[in-house]
Amino acid sequence: MIKRIITIFTITMHLLFSSQVYSLDTSSQTLEKYTKKISNKFTRTYCNTTKFGISYEGALAFAIGETNKEFKNNKKNKLIDYSLLKNSIVNDLENNCQAFDFDINDLENLKFN
């Protein structure tokens, strides 16, 4: 009898004082903004590095390293469409840096854990 009362009391307390938990809200618009933020970071870093006279390979490695370092611990990384990200980076490089000969395959090392 006492076990039932304690059980009913415990369940009642859990139901009355429990808080709701919501899943991570990641809309397509949020992911699009996050992808654009990554693309802008990579583009700025790459453009600035090449303006200092660093070689193509050096600028690419530095930009990938800096971008990976800044965005590696974000929960949204699991949801990124890397093909869209790479296309966005190439388009931004063409528009902002006039880097028209940039190969999309050079971005293979741009991965976030």
PDB file of N, CA and C in Angstrom:
ATOM      1  N   MET A   1       0.810  -1.183   0.000  1.00  0.00           N
ATOM      2  CA  MET A   1       0.000   0.000   0.000  1.00  0.00           C
ATOM      3  C   MET A   1       0.866   1.265   0.000  1.00  0.00           C
ATOM      4  N   ILE A   2       1.895   1.274   0.809  1.00  0.00           N
ATOM      5  CA  ILE A   2       2.788   2.430   0.887  1.00  0.00           C
ATOM      6  C   ILE A   2       3.563   2.577  -0.422  1.00  0.00           C
ATOM      7  N   LYS A   3       3.944   1.461  -1.054  1.00  0.00           N
ATOM      8  CA  LYS A   3       4.653   1.517  -2.328  1.00  0.00           C
ATOM      9  C   LYS A   3       3.785   2.168  -3.400  1.00  0.00           C
ATOM     10  N   ARG A   4       2.510   1.849  -3.425  1.00  0.00           N
ATOM     11  CA  ARG A   4       1.605   2.438  -4.407  1.00  0.00           C
ATOM     12  C   ARG A   4       1.467   3.941  -4.193  1.00  0.00           C
ATOM     13  N   ILE A   5       1.351   4.349  -2.975  1.00  0.00           N
ATOM     14  CA  ILE A   5       1.215   5.780  -2.676  1.00  0.00           C
ATOM     15  C   ILE A   5       2.479   6.523  -3.089  1.00  0.00           C
ATOM     16  N   ILE A   6       3.629   5.955  -2.783  1.00  0.00           N
ATOM     17  CA  ILE A   6       4.897   6.594  -3.160  1.00  0.00           C
ATOM     18  C   ILE A   6       5.030   6.628  -4.685  1.00  0.00           C
ATOM     19  N   THR A   7       4.653   5.542  -5.345  1.00  0.00           N
ATOM     20  CA  THR A   7       4.730   5.487  -6.801  1.00  0.00           C
ATOM     21  C   THR A   7       3.800   6.517  -7.432  1.00  0.00           C
ATOM     22  N   ILE A   8       2.582   6.582  -6.981  1.00  0.00           N
ATOM     23  CA  ILE A   8       1.621   7.549  -7.514  1.00  0.00           C
ATOM     24  C   ILE A   8       2.094   8.974  -7.239  1.00  0.00           C
ATOM     25  N   PHE A   9       2.614   9.232  -6.079  1.00  0.00           N
ATOM     26  CA  PHE A   9       3.135  10.549  -5.726  1.00  0.00           C
ATOM     27  C   PHE A   9       4.312  10.920  -6.639  1.00  0.00           C
ATOM     28  N   THR A  10       5.215   9.998  -6.871  1.00  0.00           N
ATOM     29  CA  THR A  10       6.386  10.244  -7.709  1.00  0.00           C
ATOM     30  C   THR A  10       5.975  10.519  -9.154  1.00  0.00           C
ATOM     31  N   ILE A  11       5.077   9.717  -9.668  1.00  0.00           N
ATOM     32  CA  ILE A  11       4.616   9.916 -11.047  1.00  0.00           C
ATOM     33  C   ILE A  11       3.892  11.247 -11.182  1.00  0.00           C
ATOM     34  N   THR A  12       3.079  11.575 -10.214  1.00  0.00           N
ATOM     35  CA  THR A  12       2.366  12.844 -10.239  1.00  0.00           C
ATOM     36  C   THR A  12       3.336  14.019 -10.228  1.00  0.00           C
ATOM     37  N   MET A  13       4.355  13.942  -9.403  1.00  0.00           N
ATOM     38  CA  MET A  13       5.358  15.018  -9.339  1.00  0.00           C
ATOM     39  C   MET A  13       6.102  15.150 -10.668  1.00  0.00           C
ATOM     40  N   HIS A  14       6.442  14.023 -11.281  1.00  0.00           N
ATOM     41  CA  HIS A  14       7.131  14.068 -12.573  1.00  0.00           C
ATOM     42  C   HIS A  14       6.253  14.693 -13.641  1.00  0.00           C
ATOM     43  N   LEU A  15       4.994  14.379 -13.638  1.00  0.00           N
ATOM     44  CA  LEU A  15       4.092  14.934 -14.641  1.00  0.00           C
ATOM     45  C   LEU A  15       3.815  16.418 -14.424  1.00  0.00           C
ATOM     46  N   LEU A  16       3.718  16.825 -13.191  1.00  0.00           N
ATOM     47  CA  LEU A  16       3.415  18.222 -12.892  1.00  0.00           C
ATOM     48  C   LEU A  16       4.614  19.146 -13.098  1.00  0.00           C
ATOM     49  N   PHE A  17       5.790  18.682 -12.750  1.00  0.00           N
ATOM     50  CA  PHE A  17       6.962  19.553 -12.762  1.00  0.00           C
ATOM     51  C   PHE A  17       7.975  19.209 -13.845  1.00  0.00           C
ATOM     52  N   SER A  18       7.570  18.493 -14.834  1.00  0.00           N
ATOM     53  CA  SER A  18       8.498  18.180 -15.923  1.00  0.00           C
ATOM     54  C   SER A  18       8.501  19.328 -16.923  1.00  0.00           C
ATOM     55  N   SER A  19       9.627  19.551 -17.532  1.00  0.00           N
ATOM     56  CA  SER A  19       9.726  20.607 -18.541  1.00  0.00           C
ATOM     57  C   SER A  19       9.826  19.954 -19.917  1.00  0.00           C
ATOM     58  N   GLN A  20       9.314  20.656 -20.905  1.00  0.00           N
ATOM     59  CA  GLN A  20       9.336  20.122 -22.253  1.00  0.00           C
ATOM     60  C   GLN A  20      10.707  20.303 -22.859  1.00  0.00           C
ATOM     61  N   VAL A  21      11.070  19.352 -23.664  1.00  0.00           N
ATOM     62  CA  VAL A  21      12.346  19.404 -24.363  1.00  0.00           C
ATOM     63  C   VAL A  21      12.052  19.469 -25.847  1.00  0.00           C
ATOM     64  N   TYR A  22      12.652  20.430 -26.503  1.00  0.00           N
ATOM     65  CA  TYR A  22      12.433  20.611 -27.925  1.00  0.00           C
ATOM     66  C   TYR A  22      13.655  20.133 -28.693  1.00  0.00           C
ATOM     67  N   SER A  23      13.427  19.605 -29.853  1.00  0.00           N
ATOM     68  CA  SER A  23      14.540  19.178 -30.692  1.00  0.00           C
ATOM     69  C   SER A  23      15.249  20.409 -31.252  1.00  0.00           C
ATOM     70  N   LEU A  24      16.434  20.185 -31.758  1.00  0.00           N
ATOM     71  CA  LEU A  24      17.217  21.266 -32.341  1.00  0.00           C
ATOM     72  C   LEU A  24      16.493  21.802 -33.570  1.00  0.00           C
ATOM     73  N   ASP A  25      16.168  23.078 -33.534  1.00  0.00           N
ATOM     74  CA  ASP A  25      15.432  23.688 -34.624  1.00  0.00           C
ATOM     75  C   ASP A  25      16.415  24.116 -35.707  1.00  0.00           C
ATOM     76  N   THR A  26      16.445  23.386 -36.785  1.00  0.00           N
ATOM     77  CA  THR A  26      17.312  23.729 -37.894  1.00  0.00           C
ATOM     78  C   THR A  26      16.492  23.762 -39.162  1.00  0.00           C
ATOM     79  N   SER A  27      16.017  24.902 -39.479  1.00  0.00           N
ATOM     80  CA  SER A  27      15.244  25.070 -40.700  1.00  0.00           C
ATOM     81  C   SER A  27      16.190  25.184 -41.885  1.00  0.00           C
ATOM     82  N   SER A  28      15.649  25.096 -43.047  1.00  0.00           N
ATOM     83  CA  SER A  28      16.476  25.208 -44.250  1.00  0.00           C
ATOM     84  C   SER A  28      17.075  26.609 -44.360  1.00  0.00           C
ATOM     85  N   GLN A  29      16.347  27.601 -43.861  1.00  0.00           N
ATOM     86  CA  GLN A  29      16.862  28.970 -43.896  1.00  0.00           C
ATOM     87  C   GLN A  29      18.063  29.120 -42.956  1.00  0.00           C
ATOM     88  N   THR A  30      18.008  28.472 -41.805  1.00  0.00           N
ATOM     89  CA  THR A  30      19.117  28.526 -40.864  1.00  0.00           C
ATOM     90  C   THR A  30      20.350  27.847 -41.448  1.00  0.00           C
ATOM     91  N   LEU A  31      20.161  26.709 -42.086  1.00  0.00           N
ATOM     92  CA  LEU A  31      21.277  26.007 -42.713  1.00  0.00           C
ATOM     93  C   LEU A  31      21.854  26.805 -43.880  1.00  0.00           C
ATOM     94  N   GLU A  32      20.982  27.474 -44.608  1.00  0.00           N
ATOM     95  CA  GLU A  32      21.444  28.298 -45.720  1.00  0.00           C
ATOM     96  C   GLU A  32      22.309  29.456 -45.225  1.00  0.00           C
ATOM     97  N   LYS A  33      21.891  30.097 -44.142  1.00  0.00           N
ATOM     98  CA  LYS A  33      22.686  31.187 -43.559  1.00  0.00           C
ATOM     99  C   LYS A  33      24.021  30.670 -43.040  1.00  0.00           C
ATOM    100  N   TYR A  34      23.997  29.496 -42.411  1.00  0.00           N
ATOM    101  CA  TYR A  34      25.233  28.910 -41.875  1.00  0.00           C
ATOM    102  C   TYR A  34      26.194  28.553 -43.015  1.00  0.00           C
ATOM    103  N   THR A  35      25.665  27.995 -44.091  1.00  0.00           N
ATOM    104  CA  THR A  35      26.491  27.664 -45.252  1.00  0.00           C
ATOM    105  C   THR A  35      27.092  28.926 -45.851  1.00  0.00           C
ATOM    106  N   LYS A  36      26.303  29.973 -45.936  1.00  0.00           N
ATOM    107  CA  LYS A  36      26.792  31.247 -46.478  1.00  0.00           C
ATOM    108  C   LYS A  36      27.882  31.842 -45.581  1.00  0.00           C
ATOM    109  N   LYS A  37      27.725  31.682 -44.275  1.00  0.00           N
ATOM    110  CA  LYS A  37      28.726  32.188 -43.328  1.00  0.00           C
ATOM    111  C   LYS A  37      30.062  31.458 -43.525  1.00  0.00           C
ATOM    112  N   ILE A  38      29.996  30.146 -43.701  1.00  0.00           N
ATOM    113  CA  ILE A  38      31.222  29.374 -43.938  1.00  0.00           C
ATOM    114  C   ILE A  38      31.858  29.799 -45.258  1.00  0.00           C
ATOM    115  N   SER A  39      31.027  29.944 -46.283  1.00  0.00           N
ATOM    116  CA  SER A  39      31.529  30.339 -47.595  1.00  0.00           C
ATOM    117  C   SER A  39      32.195  31.712 -47.547  1.00  0.00           C
ATOM    118  N   ASN A  40      31.579  32.652 -46.856  1.00  0.00           N
ATOM    119  CA  ASN A  40      32.165  33.994 -46.728  1.00  0.00           C
ATOM    120  C   ASN A  40      33.490  33.963 -45.991  1.00  0.00           C
ATOM    121  N   LYS A  41      33.584  33.168 -44.938  1.00  0.00           N
ATOM    122  CA  LYS A  41      34.831  33.059 -44.169  1.00  0.00           C
ATOM    123  C   LYS A  41      35.948  32.508 -45.051  1.00  0.00           C
ATOM    124  N   PHE A  42      35.659  31.425 -45.771  1.00  0.00           N
ATOM    125  CA  PHE A  42      36.668  30.828 -46.634  1.00  0.00           C
ATOM    126  C   PHE A  42      37.107  31.812 -47.707  1.00  0.00           C
ATOM    127  N   THR A  43      36.134  32.476 -48.334  1.00  0.00           N
ATOM    128  CA  THR A  43      36.435  33.408 -49.420  1.00  0.00           C
ATOM    129  C   THR A  43      37.294  34.574 -48.940  1.00  0.00           C
ATOM    130  N   ARG A  44      36.921  35.171 -47.805  1.00  0.00           N
ATOM    131  CA  ARG A  44      37.718  36.288 -47.261  1.00  0.00           C
ATOM    132  C   ARG A  44      39.135  35.846 -46.949  1.00  0.00           C
ATOM    133  N   THR A  45      39.278  34.694 -46.323  1.00  0.00           N
ATOM    134  CA  THR A  45      40.611  34.207 -45.950  1.00  0.00           C
ATOM    135  C   THR A  45      41.444  33.922 -47.183  1.00  0.00           C
ATOM    136  N   TYR A  46      40.846  33.255 -48.155  1.00  0.00           N
ATOM    137  CA  TYR A  46      41.582  32.914 -49.382  1.00  0.00           C
ATOM    138  C   TYR A  46      41.994  34.172 -50.143  1.00  0.00           C
ATOM    139  N   CYS A  47      41.067  35.110 -50.293  1.00  0.00           N
ATOM    140  CA  CYS A  47      41.367  36.344 -51.032  1.00  0.00           C
ATOM    141  C   CYS A  47      42.473  37.150 -50.355  1.00  0.00           C
ATOM    142  N   ASN A  48      42.367  37.305 -49.048  1.00  0.00           N
ATOM    143  CA  ASN A  48      43.384  38.065 -48.325  1.00  0.00           C
ATOM    144  C   ASN A  48      44.743  37.388 -48.395  1.00  0.00           C
ATOM    145  N   THR A  49      44.766  36.082 -48.336  1.00  0.00           N
ATOM    146  CA  THR A  49      46.031  35.353 -48.371  1.00  0.00           C
ATOM    147  C   THR A  49      46.687  35.468 -49.740  1.00  0.00           C
ATOM    148  N   THR A  50      45.902  35.373 -50.800  1.00  0.00           N
ATOM    149  CA  THR A  50      46.494  35.500 -52.136  1.00  0.00           C
ATOM    150  C   THR A  50      46.950  36.933 -52.406  1.00  0.00           C
ATOM    151  N   LYS A  51      46.293  37.924 -51.808  1.00  0.00           N
ATOM    152  CA  LYS A  51      46.714  39.321 -52.000  1.00  0.00           C
ATOM    153  C   LYS A  51      48.062  39.596 -51.346  1.00  0.00           C
ATOM    154  N   PHE A  52      48.416  38.799 -50.334  1.00  0.00           N
ATOM    155  CA  PHE A  52      49.721  38.949 -49.694  1.00  0.00           C
ATOM    156  C   PHE A  52      50.828  38.283 -50.494  1.00  0.00           C
ATOM    157  N   GLY A  53      50.479  37.639 -51.602  1.00  0.00           N
ATOM    158  CA  GLY A  53      51.489  37.039 -52.467  1.00  0.00           C
ATOM    159  C   GLY A  53      51.803  35.593 -52.148  1.00  0.00           C
ATOM    160  N   ILE A  54      51.015  34.960 -51.335  1.00  0.00           N
ATOM    161  CA  ILE A  54      51.231  33.553 -51.016  1.00  0.00           C
ATOM    162  C   ILE A  54      50.736  32.714 -52.189  1.00  0.00           C
ATOM    163  N   SER A  55      51.390  31.601 -52.435  1.00  0.00           N
ATOM    164  CA  SER A  55      51.059  30.751 -53.573  1.00  0.00           C
ATOM    165  C   SER A  55      49.636  30.211 -53.479  1.00  0.00           C
ATOM    166  N   TYR A  56      49.149  29.690 -54.602  1.00  0.00           N
ATOM    167  CA  TYR A  56      47.807  29.125 -54.678  1.00  0.00           C
ATOM    168  C   TYR A  56      47.628  27.998 -53.672  1.00  0.00           C
ATOM    169  N   GLU A  57      48.587  27.072 -53.621  1.00  0.00           N
ATOM    170  CA  GLU A  57      48.499  25.931 -52.706  1.00  0.00           C
ATOM    171  C   GLU A  57      48.567  26.386 -51.249  1.00  0.00           C
ATOM    172  N   GLY A  58      49.421  27.334 -50.955  1.00  0.00           N
ATOM    173  CA  GLY A  58      49.550  27.852 -49.598  1.00  0.00           C
ATOM    174  C   GLY A  58      48.295  28.581 -49.139  1.00  0.00           C
ATOM    175  N   ALA A  59      47.737  29.391 -50.030  1.00  0.00           N
ATOM    176  CA  ALA A  59      46.507  30.124 -49.698  1.00  0.00           C
ATOM    177  C   ALA A  59      45.344  29.162 -49.491  1.00  0.00           C
ATOM    178  N   LEU A  60      45.278  28.125 -50.318  1.00  0.00           N
ATOM    179  CA  LEU A  60      44.217  27.128 -50.192  1.00  0.00           C
ATOM    180  C   LEU A  60      44.331  26.376 -48.873  1.00  0.00           C
ATOM    181  N   ALA A  61      45.532  25.933 -48.547  1.00  0.00           N
ATOM    182  CA  ALA A  61      45.737  25.191 -47.292  1.00  0.00           C
ATOM    183  C   ALA A  61      45.430  26.072 -46.081  1.00  0.00           C
ATOM    184  N   PHE A  62      45.851  27.315 -46.121  1.00  0.00           N
ATOM    185  CA  PHE A  62      45.602  28.220 -45.000  1.00  0.00           C
ATOM    186  C   PHE A  62      44.107  28.503 -44.838  1.00  0.00           C
ATOM    187  N   ALA A  63      43.418  28.764 -45.951  1.00  0.00           N
ATOM    188  CA  ALA A  63      41.987  29.061 -45.889  1.00  0.00           C
ATOM    189  C   ALA A  63      41.197  27.853 -45.385  1.00  0.00           C
ATOM    190  N   ILE A  64      41.544  26.659 -45.842  1.00  0.00           N
ATOM    191  CA  ILE A  64      40.869  25.452 -45.361  1.00  0.00           C
ATOM    192  C   ILE A  64      41.126  25.249 -43.881  1.00  0.00           C
ATOM    193  N   GLY A  65      42.367  25.424 -43.459  1.00  0.00           N
ATOM    194  CA  GLY A  65      42.714  25.257 -42.044  1.00  0.00           C
ATOM    195  C   GLY A  65      41.986  26.240 -41.139  1.00  0.00           C
ATOM    196  N   GLU A  66      41.959  27.493 -41.531  1.00  0.00           N
ATOM    197  CA  GLU A  66      41.285  28.511 -40.722  1.00  0.00           C
ATOM    198  C   GLU A  66      39.777  28.292 -40.667  1.00  0.00           C
ATOM    199  N   THR A  67      39.187  27.912 -41.789  1.00  0.00           N
ATOM    200  CA  THR A  67      37.747  27.671 -41.826  1.00  0.00           C
ATOM    201  C   THR A  67      37.386  26.448 -40.992  1.00  0.00           C
ATOM    202  N   ASN A  68      38.173  25.388 -41.119  1.00  0.00           N
ATOM    203  CA  ASN A  68      37.939  24.183 -40.304  1.00  0.00           C
ATOM    204  C   ASN A  68      38.055  24.504 -38.817  1.00  0.00           C
ATOM    205  N   LYS A  69      39.043  25.298 -38.470  1.00  0.00           N
ATOM    206  CA  LYS A  69      39.273  25.640 -37.065  1.00  0.00           C
ATOM    207  C   LYS A  69      38.095  26.430 -36.486  1.00  0.00           C
ATOM    208  N   GLU A  70      37.548  27.342 -37.264  1.00  0.00           N
ATOM    209  CA  GLU A  70      36.475  28.200 -36.753  1.00  0.00           C
ATOM    210  C   GLU A  70      35.134  27.466 -36.632  1.00  0.00           C
ATOM    211  N   PHE A  71      34.846  26.545 -37.541  1.00  0.00           N
ATOM    212  CA  PHE A  71      33.519  25.935 -37.587  1.00  0.00           C
ATOM    213  C   PHE A  71      33.483  24.466 -37.190  1.00  0.00           C
ATOM    214  N   LYS A  72      34.556  23.919 -36.660  1.00  0.00           N
ATOM    215  CA  LYS A  72      34.619  22.475 -36.444  1.00  0.00           C
ATOM    216  C   LYS A  72      33.693  21.953 -35.352  1.00  0.00           C
ATOM    217  N   ASN A  73      33.315  22.735 -34.373  1.00  0.00           N
ATOM    218  CA  ASN A  73      32.537  22.226 -33.239  1.00  0.00           C
ATOM    219  C   ASN A  73      31.069  22.644 -33.254  1.00  0.00           C
ATOM    220  N   ASN A  74      30.524  22.969 -34.404  1.00  0.00           N
ATOM    221  CA  ASN A  74      29.129  23.391 -34.484  1.00  0.00           C
ATOM    222  C   ASN A  74      28.234  22.183 -34.732  1.00  0.00           C
ATOM    223  N   LYS A  75      27.077  22.157 -34.088  1.00  0.00           N
ATOM    224  CA  LYS A  75      26.147  21.034 -34.221  1.00  0.00           C
ATOM    225  C   LYS A  75      25.517  20.972 -35.603  1.00  0.00           C
ATOM    226  N   LYS A  76      25.507  22.069 -36.324  1.00  0.00           N
ATOM    227  CA  LYS A  76      24.897  22.105 -37.648  1.00  0.00           C
ATOM    228  C   LYS A  76      25.761  21.438 -38.712  1.00  0.00           C
ATOM    229  N   ASN A  77      27.000  21.101 -38.372  1.00  0.00           N
ATOM    230  CA  ASN A  77      27.904  20.507 -39.352  1.00  0.00           C
ATOM    231  C   ASN A  77      27.397  19.177 -39.887  1.00  0.00           C
ATOM    232  N   LYS A  78      26.625  18.464 -39.093  1.00  0.00           N
ATOM    233  CA  LYS A  78      26.100  17.167 -39.535  1.00  0.00           C
ATOM    234  C   LYS A  78      25.072  17.329 -40.645  1.00  0.00           C
ATOM    235  N   LEU A  79      24.495  18.501 -40.754  1.00  0.00           N
ATOM    236  CA  LEU A  79      23.411  18.736 -41.705  1.00  0.00           C
ATOM    237  C   LEU A  79      23.844  19.476 -42.970  1.00  0.00           C
ATOM    238  N   ILE A  80      25.112  19.797 -43.071  1.00  0.00           N
ATOM    239  CA  ILE A  80      25.605  20.578 -44.210  1.00  0.00           C
ATOM    240  C   ILE A  80      25.603  19.726 -45.479  1.00  0.00           C
ATOM    241  N   ASP A  81      25.141  20.316 -46.563  1.00  0.00           N
ATOM    242  CA  ASP A  81      25.261  19.699 -47.878  1.00  0.00           C
ATOM    243  C   ASP A  81      26.570  20.230 -48.485  1.00  0.00           C
ATOM    244  N   TYR A  82      27.592  19.386 -48.499  1.00  0.00           N
ATOM    245  CA  TYR A  82      28.922  19.837 -48.905  1.00  0.00           C
ATOM    246  C   TYR A  82      28.982  20.244 -50.377  1.00  0.00           C
ATOM    247  N   SER A  83      28.169  19.652 -51.225  1.00  0.00           N
ATOM    248  CA  SER A  83      28.194  20.052 -52.631  1.00  0.00           C
ATOM    249  C   SER A  83      27.676  21.487 -52.790  1.00  0.00           C
ATOM    250  N   LEU A  84      26.631  21.840 -52.042  1.00  0.00           N
ATOM    251  CA  LEU A  84      26.134  23.221 -52.073  1.00  0.00           C
ATOM    252  C   LEU A  84      27.155  24.190 -51.485  1.00  0.00           C
ATOM    253  N   LEU A  85      27.804  23.776 -50.410  1.00  0.00           N
ATOM    254  CA  LEU A  85      28.821  24.621 -49.786  1.00  0.00           C
ATOM    255  C   LEU A  85      29.972  24.886 -50.752  1.00  0.00           C
ATOM    256  N   LYS A  86      30.450  23.855 -51.407  1.00  0.00           N
ATOM    257  CA  LYS A  86      31.571  24.011 -52.334  1.00  0.00           C
ATOM    258  C   LYS A  86      31.189  24.884 -53.524  1.00  0.00           C
ATOM    259  N   ASN A  87      29.977  24.700 -54.044  1.00  0.00           N
ATOM    260  CA  ASN A  87      29.520  25.548 -55.145  1.00  0.00           C
ATOM    261  C   ASN A  87      29.397  27.007 -54.711  1.00  0.00           C
ATOM    262  N   SER A  88      28.938  27.222 -53.494  1.00  0.00           N
ATOM    263  CA  SER A  88      28.830  28.578 -52.962  1.00  0.00           C
ATOM    264  C   SER A  88      30.208  29.222 -52.825  1.00  0.00           C
ATOM    265  N   ILE A  89      31.171  28.445 -52.366  1.00  0.00           N
ATOM    266  CA  ILE A  89      32.539  28.969 -52.226  1.00  0.00           C
ATOM    267  C   ILE A  89      33.110  29.345 -53.588  1.00  0.00           C
ATOM    268  N   VAL A  90      32.941  28.475 -54.572  1.00  0.00           N
ATOM    269  CA  VAL A  90      33.472  28.762 -55.909  1.00  0.00           C
ATOM    270  C   VAL A  90      32.803  30.007 -56.493  1.00  0.00           C
ATOM    271  N   ASN A  91      31.488  30.133 -56.323  1.00  0.00           N
ATOM    272  CA  ASN A  91      30.789  31.331 -56.822  1.00  0.00           C
ATOM    273  C   ASN A  91      31.262  32.594 -56.115  1.00  0.00           C
ATOM    274  N   ASP A  92      31.441  32.512 -54.802  1.00  0.00           N
ATOM    275  CA  ASP A  92      31.932  33.678 -54.054  1.00  0.00           C
ATOM    276  C   ASP A  92      33.355  34.048 -54.465  1.00  0.00           C
ATOM    277  N   LEU A  93      34.195  33.049 -54.726  1.00  0.00           N
ATOM    278  CA  LEU A  93      35.563  33.336 -55.169  1.00  0.00           C
ATOM    279  C   LEU A  93      35.565  34.020 -56.536  1.00  0.00           C
ATOM    280  N   GLU A  94      34.678  33.583 -57.409  1.00  0.00           N
ATOM    281  CA  GLU A  94      34.586  34.228 -58.730  1.00  0.00           C
ATOM    282  C   GLU A  94      34.082  35.654 -58.611  1.00  0.00           C
ATOM    283  N   ASN A  95      33.090  35.878 -57.767  1.00  0.00           N
ATOM    284  CA  ASN A  95      32.501  37.214 -57.645  1.00  0.00           C
ATOM    285  C   ASN A  95      33.357  38.180 -56.843  1.00  0.00           C
ATOM    286  N   ASN A  96      34.002  37.702 -55.785  1.00  0.00           N
ATOM    287  CA  ASN A  96      34.724  38.600 -54.874  1.00  0.00           C
ATOM    288  C   ASN A  96      36.221  38.676 -55.141  1.00  0.00           C
ATOM    289  N   CYS A  97      36.810  37.592 -55.612  1.00  0.00           N
ATOM    290  CA  CYS A  97      38.267  37.554 -55.797  1.00  0.00           C
ATOM    291  C   CYS A  97      38.700  37.490 -57.248  1.00  0.00           C
ATOM    292  N   GLN A  98      37.747  37.341 -58.133  1.00  0.00           N
ATOM    293  CA  GLN A  98      38.037  37.139 -59.541  1.00  0.00           C
ATOM    294  C   GLN A  98      38.952  35.925 -59.746  1.00  0.00           C
ATOM    295  N   ALA A  99      38.723  34.874 -58.953  1.00  0.00           N
ATOM    296  CA  ALA A  99      39.463  33.617 -59.074  1.00  0.00           C
ATOM    297  C   ALA A  99      38.627  32.678 -59.940  1.00  0.00           C
ATOM    298  N   PHE A 100      38.731  32.838 -61.253  1.00  0.00           N
ATOM    299  CA  PHE A 100      37.878  32.097 -62.178  1.00  0.00           C
ATOM    300  C   PHE A 100      38.397  30.693 -62.466  1.00  0.00           C
ATOM    301  N   ASP A 101      39.647  30.424 -62.136  1.00  0.00           N
ATOM    302  CA  ASP A 101      40.236  29.113 -62.435  1.00  0.00           C
ATOM    303  C   ASP A 101      40.278  28.205 -61.202  1.00  0.00           C
ATOM    304  N   PHE A 102      39.495  28.505 -60.197  1.00  0.00           N
ATOM    305  CA  PHE A 102      39.492  27.713 -58.963  1.00  0.00           C
ATOM    306  C   PHE A 102      38.760  26.399 -59.207  1.00  0.00           C
ATOM    307  N   ASP A 103      39.409  25.281 -58.880  1.00  0.00           N
ATOM    308  CA  ASP A 103      38.839  23.947 -59.085  1.00  0.00           C
ATOM    309  C   ASP A 103      38.090  23.502 -57.832  1.00  0.00           C
ATOM    310  N   ILE A 104      36.856  23.068 -58.021  1.00  0.00           N
ATOM    311  CA  ILE A 104      36.010  22.657 -56.889  1.00  0.00           C
ATOM    312  C   ILE A 104      36.579  21.428 -56.179  1.00  0.00           C
ATOM    313  N   ASN A 105      37.352  20.622 -56.885  1.00  0.00           N
ATOM    314  CA  ASN A 105      37.944  19.418 -56.290  1.00  0.00           C
ATOM    315  C   ASN A 105      39.022  19.758 -55.262  1.00  0.00           C
ATOM    316  N   ASP A 106      39.516  20.979 -55.276  1.00  0.00           N
ATOM    317  CA  ASP A 106      40.526  21.394 -54.297  1.00  0.00           C
ATOM    318  C   ASP A 106      39.934  21.564 -52.899  1.00  0.00           C
ATOM    319  N   LEU A 107      38.622  21.548 -52.788  1.00  0.00           N
ATOM    320  CA  LEU A 107      37.960  21.741 -51.496  1.00  0.00           C
ATOM    321  C   LEU A 107      37.643  20.426 -50.795  1.00  0.00           C
ATOM    322  N   GLU A 108      38.250  19.333 -51.203  1.00  0.00           N
ATOM    323  CA  GLU A 108      37.982  18.018 -50.600  1.00  0.00           C
ATOM    324  C   GLU A 108      38.360  17.972 -49.118  1.00  0.00           C
ATOM    325  N   ASN A 109      39.348  18.741 -48.712  1.00  0.00           N
ATOM    326  CA  ASN A 109      39.799  18.730 -47.307  1.00  0.00           C
ATOM    327  C   ASN A 109      38.942  19.607 -46.398  1.00  0.00           C
ATOM    328  N   LEU A 110      37.970  20.284 -46.963  1.00  0.00           N
ATOM    329  CA  LEU A 110      37.087  21.136 -46.176  1.00  0.00           C
ATOM    330  C   LEU A 110      35.955  20.282 -45.606  1.00  0.00           C
ATOM    331  N   LYS A 111      36.227  19.689 -44.446  1.00  0.00           N
ATOM    332  CA  LYS A 111      35.271  18.796 -43.778  1.00  0.00           C
ATOM    333  C   LYS A 111      35.207  19.200 -42.306  1.00  0.00           C
ATOM    334  N   PHE A 112      34.013  19.126 -41.756  1.00  0.00           N
ATOM    335  CA  PHE A 112      33.811  19.461 -40.352  1.00  0.00           C
ATOM    336  C   PHE A 112      33.339  18.214 -39.624  1.00  0.00           C
ATOM    337  N   ASN A 113      33.862  18.006 -38.438  1.00  0.00           N
ATOM    338  CA  ASN A 113      33.475  16.828 -37.654  1.00  0.00           C
ATOM    339  C   ASN A 113      32.254  17.104 -36.820  1.00  0.00           C
TER     340      ASN A 113
END
